[in-house]
N, C-alpha and C. Protein backbone atom coordinates (compact mmCIF):
# COMPACT_ATOMS: atom_id res chain seq x y z
N MET A 1 48.06 1.24 58.61
CA MET A 1 48.93 0.42 59.45
C MET A 1 50.31 0.33 58.79
N ALA A 2 51.37 0.53 59.61
CA ALA A 2 52.72 0.53 59.06
C ALA A 2 53.11 -0.85 58.60
N THR A 3 53.78 -0.92 57.46
CA THR A 3 54.24 -2.20 56.93
C THR A 3 55.47 -2.63 57.71
N MET A 4 55.59 -3.98 57.90
CA MET A 4 56.70 -4.53 58.67
C MET A 4 57.63 -5.29 57.74
N GLU A 5 58.90 -5.06 57.82
CA GLU A 5 59.89 -5.75 57.01
C GLU A 5 60.62 -6.76 57.88
N ARG A 6 60.66 -7.99 57.44
CA ARG A 6 61.30 -9.05 58.20
C ARG A 6 62.81 -8.92 58.08
N MET A 7 63.51 -9.10 59.22
CA MET A 7 64.96 -9.03 59.21
C MET A 7 65.50 -9.92 60.32
N VAL A 8 66.77 -10.30 60.19
CA VAL A 8 67.43 -11.14 61.19
C VAL A 8 68.59 -10.36 61.77
N VAL A 9 68.59 -10.15 63.09
CA VAL A 9 69.63 -9.40 63.78
C VAL A 9 70.17 -10.23 64.92
N THR A 10 71.44 -10.43 64.97
CA THR A 10 72.14 -11.16 66.04
C THR A 10 71.47 -12.48 66.34
N GLY A 11 71.07 -13.20 65.28
CA GLY A 11 70.55 -14.54 65.45
C GLY A 11 69.07 -14.60 65.77
N LEU A 12 68.39 -13.46 65.88
CA LEU A 12 66.96 -13.46 66.19
C LEU A 12 66.17 -12.93 65.00
N GLU A 13 64.97 -13.44 64.86
CA GLU A 13 64.09 -13.01 63.78
C GLU A 13 63.27 -11.82 64.27
N LEU A 14 63.56 -10.65 63.71
CA LEU A 14 62.87 -9.43 64.11
C LEU A 14 62.20 -8.80 62.89
N TYR A 15 61.44 -7.74 63.16
CA TYR A 15 60.74 -7.05 62.08
C TYR A 15 61.01 -5.55 62.20
N ARG A 16 61.08 -4.89 61.05
CA ARG A 16 61.39 -3.47 60.99
C ARG A 16 60.30 -2.75 60.23
N ASN A 17 59.82 -1.63 60.85
CA ASN A 17 58.80 -0.83 60.17
C ASN A 17 59.46 0.40 59.54
N ALA A 18 58.63 1.36 59.11
CA ALA A 18 59.15 2.54 58.42
C ALA A 18 60.03 3.37 59.34
N ASN A 19 59.67 3.46 60.62
CA ASN A 19 60.49 4.22 61.57
C ASN A 19 61.87 3.59 61.73
N GLY A 20 61.89 2.25 61.78
CA GLY A 20 63.17 1.55 61.87
C GLY A 20 64.04 1.80 60.66
N SER A 21 63.42 1.87 59.49
CA SER A 21 64.18 2.16 58.26
C SER A 21 64.79 3.55 58.30
N ARG A 22 64.02 4.51 58.81
CA ARG A 22 64.55 5.88 58.91
C ARG A 22 65.73 5.96 59.88
N ILE A 23 65.67 5.18 60.97
CA ILE A 23 66.78 5.17 61.92
C ILE A 23 68.04 4.62 61.25
N LEU A 24 67.87 3.54 60.48
CA LEU A 24 69.01 2.96 59.78
C LEU A 24 69.58 3.92 58.74
N GLU A 25 68.71 4.61 58.02
CA GLU A 25 69.17 5.57 57.02
C GLU A 25 69.91 6.74 57.69
N SER A 26 69.40 7.20 58.83
CA SER A 26 70.07 8.29 59.54
C SER A 26 71.44 7.87 60.04
N ALA A 27 71.52 6.65 60.59
CA ALA A 27 72.80 6.15 61.08
C ALA A 27 73.80 6.02 59.95
N ASP A 28 73.34 5.54 58.80
CA ASP A 28 74.23 5.38 57.65
C ASP A 28 74.68 6.74 57.12
N GLY A 29 73.78 7.71 57.11
CA GLY A 29 74.13 9.03 56.62
C GLY A 29 75.10 9.78 57.53
N LEU A 30 74.99 9.53 58.84
CA LEU A 30 75.86 10.21 59.81
C LEU A 30 77.08 9.37 60.18
N ASN A 31 77.25 8.24 59.51
CA ASN A 31 78.40 7.37 59.76
C ASN A 31 78.42 6.87 61.21
N LEU A 32 77.24 6.42 61.68
CA LEU A 32 77.09 5.92 63.04
C LEU A 32 76.83 4.42 63.03
N VAL A 33 77.11 3.79 64.16
CA VAL A 33 76.87 2.36 64.34
C VAL A 33 75.81 2.17 65.41
N ILE A 34 74.80 1.35 65.12
CA ILE A 34 73.78 1.02 66.13
C ILE A 34 74.32 -0.11 66.98
N CYS A 35 74.70 0.20 68.20
CA CYS A 35 75.42 -0.76 69.04
C CYS A 35 74.54 -1.92 69.49
N ASN A 36 73.20 -1.75 69.47
CA ASN A 36 72.32 -2.84 69.87
C ASN A 36 72.48 -4.07 68.99
N THR A 37 72.97 -3.89 67.76
CA THR A 37 73.04 -5.00 66.81
C THR A 37 74.43 -5.65 66.75
N LEU A 38 75.33 -5.27 67.65
CA LEU A 38 76.71 -5.76 67.55
C LEU A 38 76.95 -7.09 68.26
N PHE A 39 76.06 -7.48 69.17
CA PHE A 39 76.33 -8.64 70.02
C PHE A 39 75.16 -9.63 69.98
N MET A 40 75.53 -10.90 70.11
CA MET A 40 74.52 -11.96 70.21
C MET A 40 73.91 -11.93 71.60
N LYS A 41 72.59 -11.71 71.67
CA LYS A 41 71.91 -11.61 72.95
C LYS A 41 70.61 -12.40 72.93
N GLN A 42 70.15 -12.75 74.14
CA GLN A 42 68.82 -13.33 74.26
C GLN A 42 67.77 -12.26 73.97
N GLU A 43 66.58 -12.70 73.66
CA GLU A 43 65.52 -11.74 73.32
C GLU A 43 65.24 -10.80 74.48
N SER A 44 65.29 -11.31 75.70
CA SER A 44 65.00 -10.48 76.87
C SER A 44 66.00 -9.34 77.04
N LYS A 45 67.22 -9.50 76.48
CA LYS A 45 68.25 -8.47 76.59
C LYS A 45 68.34 -7.58 75.36
N LEU A 46 67.37 -7.75 74.43
CA LEU A 46 67.28 -6.89 73.26
C LEU A 46 66.03 -6.01 73.28
N VAL A 47 65.00 -6.48 73.93
CA VAL A 47 63.72 -5.77 73.96
C VAL A 47 63.81 -4.64 74.98
N THR A 48 63.55 -3.43 74.52
CA THR A 48 63.63 -2.27 75.41
C THR A 48 62.26 -1.71 75.78
N TYR A 49 61.20 -2.16 75.10
CA TYR A 49 59.85 -1.64 75.37
C TYR A 49 58.89 -2.81 75.51
N VAL A 50 58.17 -2.84 76.62
CA VAL A 50 57.20 -3.91 76.90
C VAL A 50 55.91 -3.28 77.38
N ALA A 51 54.81 -3.54 76.65
CA ALA A 51 53.48 -3.06 77.04
C ALA A 51 52.50 -4.21 76.85
N GLY A 52 52.23 -4.93 77.91
CA GLY A 52 51.37 -6.10 77.83
C GLY A 52 52.06 -7.18 77.03
N SER A 53 51.41 -7.63 75.95
CA SER A 53 52.01 -8.65 75.09
C SER A 53 52.89 -8.06 74.00
N ALA A 54 52.86 -6.73 73.86
CA ALA A 54 53.65 -6.07 72.81
C ALA A 54 55.08 -5.86 73.29
N LYS A 55 56.02 -6.28 72.46
CA LYS A 55 57.45 -6.13 72.77
C LYS A 55 58.14 -5.52 71.56
N SER A 56 59.06 -4.62 71.82
CA SER A 56 59.75 -3.98 70.71
C SER A 56 61.09 -3.41 71.18
N THR A 57 61.95 -3.10 70.21
CA THR A 57 63.21 -2.41 70.48
C THR A 57 63.11 -1.01 69.92
N VAL A 58 62.90 -0.06 70.81
CA VAL A 58 62.71 1.32 70.37
C VAL A 58 63.80 2.25 70.91
N ASP A 59 64.66 1.73 71.77
CA ASP A 59 65.75 2.53 72.33
C ASP A 59 67.07 2.00 71.79
N TYR A 60 67.94 2.92 71.37
CA TYR A 60 69.18 2.54 70.73
C TYR A 60 70.34 3.38 71.28
N ILE A 61 71.51 2.79 71.20
CA ILE A 61 72.74 3.51 71.51
C ILE A 61 73.59 3.51 70.24
N MET A 62 74.02 4.70 69.81
CA MET A 62 74.81 4.81 68.59
C MET A 62 76.14 5.48 68.90
N VAL A 63 77.16 5.05 68.20
CA VAL A 63 78.48 5.65 68.32
C VAL A 63 79.05 5.86 66.92
N ARG A 64 80.09 6.65 66.83
CA ARG A 64 80.75 6.85 65.55
C ARG A 64 81.48 5.58 65.11
N GLN A 65 81.69 5.46 63.82
CA GLN A 65 82.35 4.26 63.29
C GLN A 65 83.72 4.06 63.93
N GLY A 66 84.43 5.16 64.16
CA GLY A 66 85.76 5.05 64.75
C GLY A 66 85.76 4.56 66.17
N ASP A 67 84.63 4.72 66.88
CA ASP A 67 84.54 4.27 68.28
C ASP A 67 83.94 2.89 68.41
N LYS A 68 83.66 2.24 67.32
CA LYS A 68 83.03 0.92 67.36
C LYS A 68 83.90 -0.09 68.09
N VAL A 69 85.22 -0.02 67.90
CA VAL A 69 86.13 -0.99 68.52
C VAL A 69 86.17 -0.83 70.04
N LYS A 70 85.73 0.31 70.56
CA LYS A 70 85.76 0.54 72.01
C LYS A 70 84.56 -0.05 72.73
N VAL A 71 83.53 -0.42 71.96
CA VAL A 71 82.31 -0.96 72.56
C VAL A 71 82.55 -2.41 72.96
N ARG A 72 82.32 -2.73 74.22
CA ARG A 72 82.56 -4.08 74.74
C ARG A 72 81.27 -4.86 74.94
N ASN A 73 80.18 -4.17 75.25
CA ASN A 73 78.94 -4.89 75.50
C ASN A 73 77.77 -3.90 75.48
N VAL A 74 76.64 -4.34 74.97
CA VAL A 74 75.39 -3.57 75.01
C VAL A 74 74.28 -4.54 75.36
N LYS A 75 73.50 -4.21 76.37
CA LYS A 75 72.43 -5.12 76.77
C LYS A 75 71.33 -4.35 77.48
N VAL A 76 70.18 -5.01 77.55
CA VAL A 76 69.03 -4.49 78.29
C VAL A 76 68.95 -5.22 79.61
N ILE A 77 68.74 -4.49 80.68
CA ILE A 77 68.53 -5.12 81.99
C ILE A 77 67.04 -5.31 82.17
N PRO A 78 66.55 -6.55 82.06
CA PRO A 78 65.10 -6.79 81.99
C PRO A 78 64.33 -6.32 83.22
N ASN A 79 64.87 -6.50 84.39
CA ASN A 79 64.14 -6.21 85.63
C ASN A 79 64.32 -4.78 86.12
N GLU A 80 65.01 -3.94 85.33
CA GLU A 80 65.26 -2.56 85.73
C GLU A 80 64.50 -1.63 84.80
N GLU A 81 63.49 -0.95 85.34
CA GLU A 81 62.67 -0.06 84.52
C GLU A 81 63.12 1.38 84.75
N CYS A 82 63.65 2.02 83.71
CA CYS A 82 64.14 3.39 83.86
C CYS A 82 63.02 4.40 83.70
N MET A 83 61.95 4.06 82.97
CA MET A 83 60.76 4.88 82.83
C MET A 83 59.61 3.95 82.44
N PRO A 84 58.37 4.38 82.59
CA PRO A 84 57.24 3.46 82.34
C PRO A 84 57.35 2.73 81.00
N LYS A 85 57.33 1.39 81.09
CA LYS A 85 57.32 0.46 79.95
C LYS A 85 58.66 0.37 79.22
N HIS A 86 59.64 1.14 79.61
CA HIS A 86 60.95 1.09 78.97
C HIS A 86 61.97 0.46 79.91
N LYS A 87 62.77 -0.45 79.38
CA LYS A 87 63.81 -1.11 80.16
C LYS A 87 65.13 -0.35 80.03
N LEU A 88 65.99 -0.56 81.02
CA LEU A 88 67.26 0.14 81.05
C LEU A 88 68.24 -0.46 80.05
N LEU A 89 68.74 0.36 79.15
CA LEU A 89 69.70 -0.06 78.13
C LEU A 89 71.08 0.48 78.53
N VAL A 90 72.05 -0.41 78.65
CA VAL A 90 73.39 0.00 79.10
C VAL A 90 74.44 -0.45 78.09
N MET A 91 75.58 0.24 78.12
CA MET A 91 76.68 -0.09 77.22
C MET A 91 78.00 0.01 77.97
N ASP A 92 78.88 -0.94 77.72
CA ASP A 92 80.23 -0.91 78.29
C ASP A 92 81.20 -0.50 77.19
N MET A 93 82.07 0.49 77.51
CA MET A 93 83.07 0.94 76.55
C MET A 93 84.44 0.91 77.21
N TRP A 94 85.45 0.73 76.39
CA TRP A 94 86.83 0.69 76.87
C TRP A 94 87.57 1.90 76.32
N PHE A 95 88.23 2.64 77.23
CA PHE A 95 88.98 3.82 76.83
C PHE A 95 90.44 3.63 77.23
N ASN A 96 91.32 3.99 76.34
CA ASN A 96 92.75 3.89 76.61
C ASN A 96 93.22 5.22 77.21
N THR A 97 93.53 5.20 78.49
CA THR A 97 93.99 6.41 79.16
C THR A 97 95.51 6.50 79.05
N THR A 98 95.98 7.62 78.59
CA THR A 98 97.42 7.83 78.44
C THR A 98 97.94 8.65 79.61
N LYS A 99 99.08 8.26 80.13
CA LYS A 99 99.68 8.96 81.26
C LYS A 99 100.28 10.28 80.76
N ARG A 100 99.95 11.34 81.47
CA ARG A 100 100.45 12.65 81.08
C ARG A 100 101.91 12.78 81.48
N ARG A 101 102.71 13.14 80.51
CA ARG A 101 104.13 13.31 80.77
C ARG A 101 104.43 14.74 81.21
N ASN A 102 105.28 14.84 82.20
CA ASN A 102 105.67 16.15 82.67
C ASN A 102 106.56 16.83 81.62
N LYS A 103 106.19 18.05 81.30
CA LYS A 103 106.95 18.79 80.30
C LYS A 103 108.30 19.19 80.87
N LYS A 104 109.34 18.91 80.09
CA LYS A 104 110.69 19.24 80.54
C LYS A 104 110.85 20.76 80.61
N PHE A 105 111.36 21.20 81.73
CA PHE A 105 111.53 22.65 81.92
C PHE A 105 112.72 23.15 81.13
N GLU A 106 112.52 24.25 80.44
CA GLU A 106 113.58 24.90 79.69
C GLU A 106 113.82 26.29 80.29
N PRO A 107 115.00 26.54 80.82
CA PRO A 107 115.27 27.84 81.44
C PRO A 107 115.16 28.97 80.42
N ARG A 108 114.66 30.10 80.88
CA ARG A 108 114.50 31.26 80.01
C ARG A 108 115.11 32.50 80.66
N VAL A 109 115.55 33.41 79.82
CA VAL A 109 116.08 34.67 80.33
C VAL A 109 114.90 35.52 80.83
N ARG A 110 115.06 36.12 81.98
CA ARG A 110 113.98 36.90 82.58
C ARG A 110 113.90 38.29 81.96
N VAL A 111 113.55 38.32 80.68
CA VAL A 111 113.54 39.58 79.94
C VAL A 111 112.46 40.54 80.45
N TRP A 112 111.45 40.01 81.18
CA TRP A 112 110.40 40.88 81.69
C TRP A 112 110.94 41.89 82.71
N LYS A 113 112.13 41.62 83.24
CA LYS A 113 112.73 42.57 84.18
C LYS A 113 113.16 43.86 83.49
N LEU A 114 113.27 43.80 82.16
CA LEU A 114 113.67 45.01 81.42
C LEU A 114 112.57 46.07 81.43
N LYS A 115 111.39 45.73 81.89
CA LYS A 115 110.33 46.72 82.03
C LYS A 115 110.63 47.71 83.15
N GLN A 116 111.50 47.27 84.08
CA GLN A 116 111.91 48.17 85.16
C GLN A 116 112.91 49.19 84.61
N GLU A 117 112.67 50.42 84.90
CA GLU A 117 113.47 51.50 84.31
C GLU A 117 114.96 51.36 84.67
N ARG A 118 115.25 51.06 85.91
CA ARG A 118 116.64 50.95 86.35
C ARG A 118 117.35 49.80 85.65
N THR A 119 116.68 48.66 85.57
CA THR A 119 117.26 47.49 84.90
C THR A 119 117.46 47.75 83.42
N CYS A 120 116.49 48.41 82.80
CA CYS A 120 116.58 48.71 81.37
C CYS A 120 117.77 49.63 81.07
N GLU A 121 117.97 50.65 81.90
CA GLU A 121 119.09 51.57 81.69
C GLU A 121 120.44 50.86 81.87
N GLU A 122 120.50 49.98 82.84
CA GLU A 122 121.73 49.21 83.06
C GLU A 122 122.01 48.31 81.87
N TYR A 123 120.95 47.70 81.33
CA TYR A 123 121.10 46.82 80.16
C TYR A 123 121.59 47.61 78.95
N LYS A 124 120.99 48.76 78.68
CA LYS A 124 121.39 49.58 77.54
C LYS A 124 122.86 50.02 77.65
N SER A 125 123.24 50.41 78.86
CA SER A 125 124.61 50.88 79.07
C SER A 125 125.62 49.76 78.82
N MET A 126 125.33 48.56 79.32
CA MET A 126 126.27 47.45 79.15
C MET A 126 126.35 47.01 77.69
N VAL A 127 125.21 46.98 76.98
CA VAL A 127 125.21 46.62 75.56
C VAL A 127 126.03 47.64 74.77
N LYS A 128 125.85 48.91 75.08
CA LYS A 128 126.58 49.96 74.37
C LYS A 128 128.09 49.82 74.57
N ASP A 129 128.50 49.51 75.81
CA ASP A 129 129.93 49.34 76.08
C ASP A 129 130.50 48.15 75.32
N LYS A 130 129.76 47.05 75.27
CA LYS A 130 130.25 45.86 74.58
C LYS A 130 130.31 46.08 73.07
N VAL A 131 129.36 46.83 72.54
CA VAL A 131 129.35 47.12 71.09
C VAL A 131 130.56 47.96 70.72
N GLU A 132 130.89 48.92 71.57
CA GLU A 132 132.04 49.79 71.28
C GLU A 132 133.36 49.04 71.37
N GLU A 133 133.41 47.97 72.19
CA GLU A 133 134.65 47.21 72.34
C GLU A 133 134.90 46.27 71.16
N LYS A 134 133.84 45.86 70.47
CA LYS A 134 133.98 44.90 69.38
C LYS A 134 134.40 45.59 68.08
N GLU A 135 134.95 44.77 67.19
CA GLU A 135 135.31 45.25 65.85
C GLU A 135 134.23 44.81 64.87
N TRP A 136 133.69 45.76 64.13
CA TRP A 136 132.56 45.48 63.26
C TRP A 136 132.92 45.61 61.78
N GLU A 137 134.13 45.95 61.48
CA GLU A 137 134.51 46.10 60.06
C GLU A 137 134.68 44.73 59.40
N HIS A 138 134.46 44.73 58.11
CA HIS A 138 134.65 43.55 57.27
C HIS A 138 133.71 42.39 57.69
N LEU A 139 132.53 42.72 58.18
CA LEU A 139 131.53 41.71 58.53
C LEU A 139 130.34 41.85 57.60
N ASP A 140 129.84 40.70 57.12
CA ASP A 140 128.63 40.76 56.31
C ASP A 140 127.40 40.87 57.22
N VAL A 141 126.22 40.91 56.61
CA VAL A 141 124.99 41.14 57.37
C VAL A 141 124.74 40.04 58.39
N ASN A 142 124.91 38.77 57.99
CA ASN A 142 124.65 37.64 58.89
C ASN A 142 125.62 37.62 60.06
N GLU A 143 126.91 37.85 59.78
CA GLU A 143 127.90 37.86 60.86
C GLU A 143 127.63 39.01 61.82
N HIS A 144 127.24 40.15 61.26
CA HIS A 144 126.93 41.32 62.08
C HIS A 144 125.75 41.00 63.01
N TRP A 145 124.72 40.35 62.44
CA TRP A 145 123.53 40.03 63.23
C TRP A 145 123.84 39.03 64.34
N HIS A 146 124.56 37.94 64.03
CA HIS A 146 124.87 36.93 65.03
C HIS A 146 125.74 37.50 66.16
N LYS A 147 126.64 38.37 65.80
CA LYS A 147 127.50 38.99 66.81
C LYS A 147 126.69 39.89 67.74
N MET A 148 125.80 40.68 67.15
CA MET A 148 124.95 41.56 67.94
C MET A 148 123.98 40.77 68.82
N LYS A 149 123.45 39.69 68.27
CA LYS A 149 122.53 38.83 69.03
C LYS A 149 123.23 38.23 70.24
N LYS A 150 124.46 37.77 70.06
CA LYS A 150 125.23 37.18 71.16
C LYS A 150 125.47 38.20 72.26
N ILE A 151 125.78 39.43 71.89
CA ILE A 151 126.00 40.49 72.88
C ILE A 151 124.72 40.75 73.68
N MET A 152 123.60 40.85 72.98
CA MET A 152 122.33 41.16 73.64
C MET A 152 121.88 40.03 74.56
N MET A 153 122.04 38.77 74.13
CA MET A 153 121.62 37.63 74.95
C MET A 153 122.51 37.48 76.18
N GLU A 154 123.82 37.59 76.00
CA GLU A 154 124.73 37.48 77.14
C GLU A 154 124.49 38.59 78.15
N THR A 155 124.24 39.79 77.67
CA THR A 155 123.97 40.91 78.57
C THR A 155 122.66 40.71 79.32
N ALA A 156 121.63 40.24 78.62
CA ALA A 156 120.34 40.00 79.27
C ALA A 156 120.45 38.93 80.35
N GLN A 157 121.23 37.86 80.08
CA GLN A 157 121.42 36.82 81.09
C GLN A 157 122.15 37.37 82.30
N HIS A 158 123.12 38.24 82.07
CA HIS A 158 123.90 38.80 83.17
C HIS A 158 123.07 39.78 84.00
N ILE A 159 122.26 40.60 83.35
CA ILE A 159 121.49 41.63 84.05
C ILE A 159 120.21 41.05 84.66
N CYS A 160 119.48 40.27 83.87
CA CYS A 160 118.15 39.80 84.29
C CYS A 160 118.17 38.44 84.97
N GLY A 161 119.15 37.59 84.65
CA GLY A 161 119.19 36.26 85.22
C GLY A 161 118.37 35.27 84.40
N ILE A 162 118.38 34.00 84.83
CA ILE A 162 117.68 32.92 84.13
C ILE A 162 116.68 32.29 85.08
N SER A 163 115.49 31.98 84.56
CA SER A 163 114.46 31.36 85.39
C SER A 163 114.88 29.95 85.79
N LYS A 164 114.44 29.54 86.98
CA LYS A 164 114.82 28.23 87.53
C LYS A 164 113.66 27.26 87.59
N GLY A 165 112.55 27.56 86.96
CA GLY A 165 111.41 26.66 86.98
C GLY A 165 110.41 27.06 88.04
N THR A 166 109.24 26.41 87.98
CA THR A 166 108.18 26.72 88.93
C THR A 166 108.52 26.18 90.31
N CYS A 167 108.10 26.89 91.32
CA CYS A 167 108.34 26.47 92.70
C CYS A 167 107.43 25.30 93.04
N ARG A 168 108.00 24.24 93.58
CA ARG A 168 107.20 23.06 93.92
C ARG A 168 106.49 23.20 95.26
N HIS A 169 106.80 24.25 95.99
CA HIS A 169 106.17 24.48 97.28
C HIS A 169 105.37 25.78 97.23
N LYS A 170 104.30 25.82 97.99
CA LYS A 170 103.47 27.01 98.04
C LYS A 170 104.25 28.16 98.65
N GLU A 171 104.15 29.30 97.99
CA GLU A 171 104.92 30.46 98.45
C GLU A 171 104.36 30.97 99.78
N THR A 172 105.24 31.16 100.75
CA THR A 172 104.86 31.72 102.04
C THR A 172 105.14 33.21 101.99
N TRP A 173 104.14 33.99 101.65
CA TRP A 173 104.34 35.41 101.39
C TRP A 173 104.68 36.18 102.65
N TRP A 174 104.28 35.64 103.83
CA TRP A 174 104.51 36.39 105.06
C TRP A 174 105.88 36.11 105.67
N TRP A 175 106.68 35.22 105.07
CA TRP A 175 108.00 34.92 105.61
C TRP A 175 108.94 36.10 105.39
N ASN A 176 109.60 36.53 106.45
CA ASN A 176 110.56 37.64 106.35
C ASN A 176 111.72 37.37 107.30
N GLU A 177 112.65 38.31 107.35
CA GLU A 177 113.86 38.12 108.15
C GLU A 177 113.54 38.08 109.65
N GLU A 178 112.57 38.87 110.07
CA GLU A 178 112.18 38.87 111.49
C GLU A 178 111.66 37.50 111.92
N PHE A 179 110.80 36.93 111.06
CA PHE A 179 110.26 35.61 111.38
C PHE A 179 111.34 34.54 111.35
N ALA A 180 112.25 34.62 110.37
CA ALA A 180 113.33 33.64 110.28
C ALA A 180 114.21 33.66 111.52
N GLU A 181 114.51 34.87 112.02
CA GLU A 181 115.32 35.02 113.23
C GLU A 181 114.60 34.43 114.44
N ALA A 182 113.28 34.67 114.53
CA ALA A 182 112.50 34.13 115.64
C ALA A 182 112.47 32.60 115.62
N VAL A 183 112.38 32.01 114.44
CA VAL A 183 112.37 30.55 114.31
C VAL A 183 113.73 29.98 114.71
N ARG A 184 114.80 30.63 114.27
CA ARG A 184 116.14 30.16 114.66
C ARG A 184 116.32 30.20 116.17
N GLU A 185 115.84 31.28 116.79
CA GLU A 185 115.96 31.41 118.24
C GLU A 185 115.14 30.32 118.95
N LYS A 186 113.96 30.03 118.41
CA LYS A 186 113.12 28.99 119.01
C LYS A 186 113.80 27.63 118.94
N LYS A 187 114.44 27.32 117.82
CA LYS A 187 115.15 26.04 117.68
C LYS A 187 116.30 25.93 118.67
N ILE A 188 117.00 27.04 118.87
CA ILE A 188 118.12 27.04 119.83
C ILE A 188 117.61 26.77 121.23
N LYS A 189 116.51 27.45 121.62
CA LYS A 189 115.94 27.24 122.95
C LYS A 189 115.40 25.84 123.12
N TYR A 190 114.86 25.26 122.03
CA TYR A 190 114.33 23.89 122.09
C TYR A 190 115.46 22.88 122.34
N ARG A 191 116.55 23.05 121.60
CA ARG A 191 117.69 22.14 121.80
C ARG A 191 118.28 22.28 123.20
N LYS A 192 118.28 23.51 123.72
CA LYS A 192 118.79 23.74 125.07
C LYS A 192 117.91 23.05 126.10
N TRP A 193 116.58 23.14 125.90
CA TRP A 193 115.65 22.49 126.82
C TRP A 193 115.79 20.97 126.79
N MET A 194 115.96 20.41 125.56
CA MET A 194 116.13 18.96 125.44
C MET A 194 117.45 18.51 126.06
N ARG A 195 118.46 19.36 126.01
CA ARG A 195 119.77 19.00 126.55
C ARG A 195 119.80 19.12 128.07
N GLU A 196 119.23 20.19 128.62
CA GLU A 196 119.30 20.43 130.07
C GLU A 196 118.10 19.85 130.82
N ASN A 197 116.95 19.83 130.15
CA ASN A 197 115.72 19.31 130.75
C ASN A 197 115.43 20.01 132.09
N SER A 198 115.52 21.35 132.07
CA SER A 198 115.27 22.13 133.27
C SER A 198 114.05 23.02 133.07
N LYS A 199 113.52 23.51 134.20
CA LYS A 199 112.33 24.37 134.14
C LYS A 199 112.66 25.70 133.48
N GLU A 200 113.85 26.25 133.78
CA GLU A 200 114.24 27.52 133.19
C GLU A 200 114.35 27.42 131.67
N ALA A 201 114.96 26.33 131.20
CA ALA A 201 115.08 26.14 129.74
C ALA A 201 113.70 25.99 129.10
N TRP A 202 112.79 25.30 129.81
CA TRP A 202 111.43 25.13 129.29
C TRP A 202 110.72 26.48 129.19
N MET A 203 110.87 27.34 130.19
CA MET A 203 110.24 28.65 130.17
C MET A 203 110.78 29.52 129.03
N GLU A 204 112.08 29.43 128.77
CA GLU A 204 112.67 30.20 127.68
C GLU A 204 112.14 29.71 126.33
N TYR A 205 112.02 28.39 126.19
CA TYR A 205 111.49 27.82 124.95
C TYR A 205 110.03 28.23 124.73
N GLU A 206 109.23 28.18 125.79
CA GLU A 206 107.82 28.58 125.68
C GLU A 206 107.69 30.05 125.27
N LYS A 207 108.55 30.88 125.82
CA LYS A 207 108.53 32.30 125.49
C LYS A 207 108.82 32.52 124.00
N CYS A 208 109.83 31.81 123.48
CA CYS A 208 110.16 31.93 122.04
C CYS A 208 109.05 31.37 121.17
N ARG A 209 108.44 30.29 121.62
CA ARG A 209 107.37 29.67 120.82
C ARG A 209 106.18 30.60 120.70
N HIS A 210 105.78 31.23 121.79
CA HIS A 210 104.67 32.18 121.75
C HIS A 210 105.04 33.41 120.92
N SER A 211 106.31 33.79 120.96
CA SER A 211 106.75 34.93 120.17
C SER A 211 106.61 34.65 118.68
N VAL A 212 106.98 33.44 118.25
CA VAL A 212 106.83 33.05 116.85
C VAL A 212 105.37 33.07 116.42
N LYS A 213 104.49 32.53 117.25
CA LYS A 213 103.07 32.52 116.93
C LYS A 213 102.52 33.94 116.80
N ARG A 214 102.98 34.82 117.65
CA ARG A 214 102.53 36.21 117.62
C ARG A 214 102.96 36.90 116.33
N ILE A 215 104.18 36.62 115.89
CA ILE A 215 104.69 37.21 114.65
C ILE A 215 103.89 36.70 113.44
N ILE A 216 103.59 35.40 113.43
CA ILE A 216 102.81 34.83 112.32
C ILE A 216 101.43 35.44 112.25
N SER A 217 100.74 35.52 113.41
CA SER A 217 99.39 36.06 113.42
C SER A 217 99.35 37.52 112.99
N SER A 218 100.35 38.30 113.39
CA SER A 218 100.39 39.71 113.00
C SER A 218 100.70 39.88 111.50
N ALA A 219 101.54 38.96 110.95
CA ALA A 219 101.89 39.04 109.52
C ALA A 219 100.71 38.65 108.64
N LYS A 220 99.94 37.64 109.06
CA LYS A 220 98.81 37.18 108.25
C LYS A 220 97.63 38.14 108.33
């Protein structure tokens, strides 16, 4: 028969056997906190196992020492049985949610355009012309490097352009000049119909509207 060690937890007189000692040793070795022992509770809210007249606490919730301050409450719900003879053990924790800050956009030179053969040749030609125009005598290594870097960056910005950030709207890949012209024509016919309020204007507007729908369906 396992020996029982008398102990006092949260104001109640309880007993601990060899298994309980091993749980405490494991928690201490892993730097964990047994949350069941953190709060003053009635006996009915500490007992997790009931079999006839036998009552015991065999279910535990453990957290790391650093998370101990986040624990707000641990209790047993006496009338809620999660599995035969075991009561439901619940814990309330508090988490500090931080609002995600939008990263500030930093414009970049579109150097990936230099992969295009035509753009690359134009870039090389312009850099070569600027290098020939500059005076490079009587410059040390650092001055030579900074001057060359300035030429290359300015040329890349001129040839490739600078990024403007991510598009906040979904890209409409099927939009083209034909569709734009059809939409403009539809708006003109709509304003004419609203102004004249005649059957002829309405028929013209309907014709343009169906034309726009036809263009969209064919493009998609």
